[in-house]
Amino acid sequence: MIRITPEQLPSIKEFRKWKNWSKMKAHTTEKKDHIHRNHSVSLSGHEGSVSIMPSVDESMIAKETLIAHRQAAITQVEVIKRILTATQFRRLWMYCVDNLSVEEIAHIEGATPPAIYKSIRQSKKKILVYFEKRV
């Protein structure tokens, strides 16, 4: 770094011009450094909290497990669909899966809320009885 004093330049105006240029240059350099640091994450001191990517085997097992769970769920829904009437299944689906209230289902179906509640309650009983017999 070269240090320039006002005495080395022809005028104070010239000195201020170069001083401002120097400040601007330093500011630009510092700004570039901040951009890099602001968009970087240091891993030092965080070794324990850094998650490690699972191995290929673990990923495959997780995927196979997910597929098996989905298939089991599909099978259970098919069984439930077989043991309920179409109306009971539709109402139970809207209540449990679509998360609609009894009143909303009653409005959609053109029925009374007590009728919808009774239908859903009977559906749950049928399912419970069916699966208790299986155990």
Protein backbone atom coordinates (compact mmCIF):
# COMPACT_ATOMS: atom_id res chain seq x y z
CA MET A 1 0.00 0.00 0.00
CA ILE A 2 1.26 3.46 -0.91
CA ARG A 3 0.51 6.36 1.44
CA ILE A 4 0.05 9.73 -0.22
CA THR A 5 0.04 13.00 1.71
CA PRO A 6 -1.51 16.32 0.58
CA GLU A 7 1.97 17.76 0.19
CA GLN A 8 2.81 15.24 -2.54
CA LEU A 9 0.01 16.42 -4.83
CA PRO A 10 -0.42 19.74 -6.62
CA SER A 11 -3.61 20.71 -4.73
CA ILE A 12 -5.88 19.72 -1.88
CA LYS A 13 -8.63 19.12 -4.48
CA GLU A 14 -6.41 16.56 -6.23
CA PHE A 15 -5.62 14.93 -2.87
CA ARG A 16 -9.33 14.59 -2.00
CA LYS A 17 -10.06 13.13 -5.45
CA TRP A 18 -7.49 10.37 -4.92
CA LYS A 19 -8.54 9.82 -1.31
CA ASN A 20 -12.19 9.36 -2.38
CA TRP A 21 -11.09 7.00 -5.16
CA SER A 22 -9.11 4.97 -2.62
CA LYS A 23 -12.08 4.79 -0.22
CA MET A 24 -14.38 3.74 -3.05
CA LYS A 25 -11.93 1.04 -4.16
CA ALA A 26 -11.63 -0.26 -0.57
CA HIS A 27 -15.43 -0.19 -0.18
CA THR A 28 -15.93 -2.17 -3.41
CA THR A 29 -13.37 -4.76 -2.34
CA GLU A 30 -14.94 -5.04 1.11
CA LYS A 31 -18.42 -5.36 -0.42
CA LYS A 32 -17.26 -8.25 -2.63
CA ASP A 33 -15.84 -9.97 0.46
CA HIS A 34 -19.15 -9.51 2.32
CA ILE A 35 -21.12 -10.96 -0.58
CA HIS A 36 -18.96 -14.07 -0.42
CA ARG A 37 -19.24 -14.37 3.37
CA ASN A 38 -22.97 -13.62 3.44
CA HIS A 39 -23.62 -16.47 1.00
CA SER A 40 -21.34 -19.03 2.64
CA VAL A 41 -21.74 -21.26 5.65
CA SER A 42 -18.83 -22.33 7.77
CA LEU A 43 -18.91 -25.92 8.91
CA SER A 44 -16.30 -25.50 11.61
CA GLY A 45 -17.81 -26.15 15.01
CA HIS A 46 -20.90 -27.75 13.46
CA GLU A 47 -19.53 -31.21 12.75
CA GLY A 48 -22.10 -32.92 14.99
CA SER A 49 -25.10 -31.12 13.50
CA VAL A 50 -24.24 -31.64 9.84
CA SER A 51 -26.43 -34.34 8.39
CA ILE A 52 -24.72 -37.06 6.49
CA MET A 53 -26.22 -38.34 3.28
CA PRO A 54 -27.61 -41.85 3.65
CA SER A 55 -25.89 -44.64 1.79
CA VAL A 56 -27.40 -46.04 -1.38
CA ASP A 57 -28.48 -49.14 0.57
CA GLU A 58 -30.27 -47.03 3.19
CA SER A 59 -31.98 -45.00 0.47
CA MET A 60 -33.15 -48.14 -1.30
CA ILE A 61 -34.45 -49.69 1.93
CA ALA A 62 -36.30 -46.46 2.78
CA LYS A 63 -37.82 -46.38 -0.70
CA GLU A 64 -38.85 -50.05 -0.53
CA THR A 65 -40.36 -49.47 2.93
CA LEU A 66 -42.34 -46.49 1.65
CA ILE A 67 -43.62 -48.53 -1.31
CA ALA A 68 -44.63 -51.38 1.03
CA HIS A 69 -46.48 -48.98 3.35
CA ARG A 70 -48.29 -47.38 0.41
CA GLN A 71 -49.28 -50.79 -0.94
CA ALA A 72 -50.57 -51.85 2.49
CA ALA A 73 -52.60 -48.64 2.72
CA ILE A 74 -54.05 -49.19 -0.77
CA THR A 75 -54.99 -52.76 0.17
CA GLN A 76 -56.70 -51.57 3.37
CA VAL A 77 -58.66 -48.91 1.47
CA GLU A 78 -59.78 -51.56 -1.04
CA VAL A 79 -60.98 -53.79 1.82
CA ILE A 80 -62.83 -50.89 3.43
CA LYS A 81 -64.40 -50.02 0.09
CA ARG A 82 -65.66 -53.61 -0.23
CA ILE A 83 -67.26 -53.79 3.23
CA LEU A 84 -69.00 -50.39 3.08
CA THR A 85 -71.75 -49.19 0.82
CA ALA A 86 -70.74 -46.63 -1.79
CA THR A 87 -72.51 -43.89 0.19
CA GLN A 88 -70.82 -44.87 3.46
CA PHE A 89 -67.40 -45.01 1.80
CA ARG A 90 -67.87 -41.63 0.10
CA ARG A 91 -69.00 -39.94 3.32
CA LEU A 92 -66.23 -41.53 5.39
CA TRP A 93 -63.67 -40.49 2.75
CA MET A 94 -64.87 -36.90 2.80
CA TYR A 95 -64.77 -36.89 6.60
CA CYS A 96 -61.41 -38.62 7.16
CA VAL A 97 -59.38 -37.84 4.05
CA ASP A 98 -60.82 -34.60 2.71
CA ASN A 99 -61.21 -33.38 6.32
CA LEU A 100 -64.73 -32.01 5.77
CA SER A 101 -67.06 -31.46 8.71
CA VAL A 102 -70.33 -33.36 9.11
CA GLU A 103 -72.17 -30.13 8.25
CA GLU A 104 -70.13 -29.63 5.06
CA ILE A 105 -70.78 -33.21 3.96
CA ALA A 106 -74.51 -32.80 4.74
CA HIS A 107 -74.60 -29.68 2.56
CA ILE A 108 -72.81 -31.47 -0.32
CA GLU A 109 -74.96 -34.60 -0.04
CA GLY A 110 -78.24 -32.74 0.50
CA ALA A 111 -78.77 -34.61 3.79
CA THR A 112 -79.10 -33.64 7.42
CA PRO A 113 -76.03 -33.52 9.67
CA PRO A 114 -77.49 -36.21 12.01
CA ALA A 115 -77.92 -38.55 9.02
CA ILE A 116 -74.30 -37.98 7.95
CA TYR A 117 -73.05 -38.47 11.52
CA LYS A 118 -74.98 -41.75 11.82
CA SER A 119 -73.66 -42.97 8.46
CA ILE A 120 -70.04 -42.23 9.44
CA ARG A 121 -70.48 -43.83 12.87
CA GLN A 122 -71.93 -47.00 11.30
CA SER A 123 -69.08 -47.08 8.77
CA LYS A 124 -66.50 -46.94 11.55
CA LYS A 125 -68.28 -49.73 13.43
CA LYS A 126 -68.32 -51.96 10.33
CA ILE A 127 -64.60 -51.40 9.77
CA LEU A 128 -63.79 -52.06 13.41
CA VAL A 129 -65.80 -55.31 13.48
CA TYR A 130 -64.21 -56.49 10.23
CA PHE A 131 -60.62 -55.90 11.37
CA GLU A 132 -61.23 -57.28 14.89
CA LYS A 133 -62.33 -60.57 13.30
CA ARG A 134 -59.07 -60.66 11.35
CA VAL A 135 -56.85 -60.34 14.41
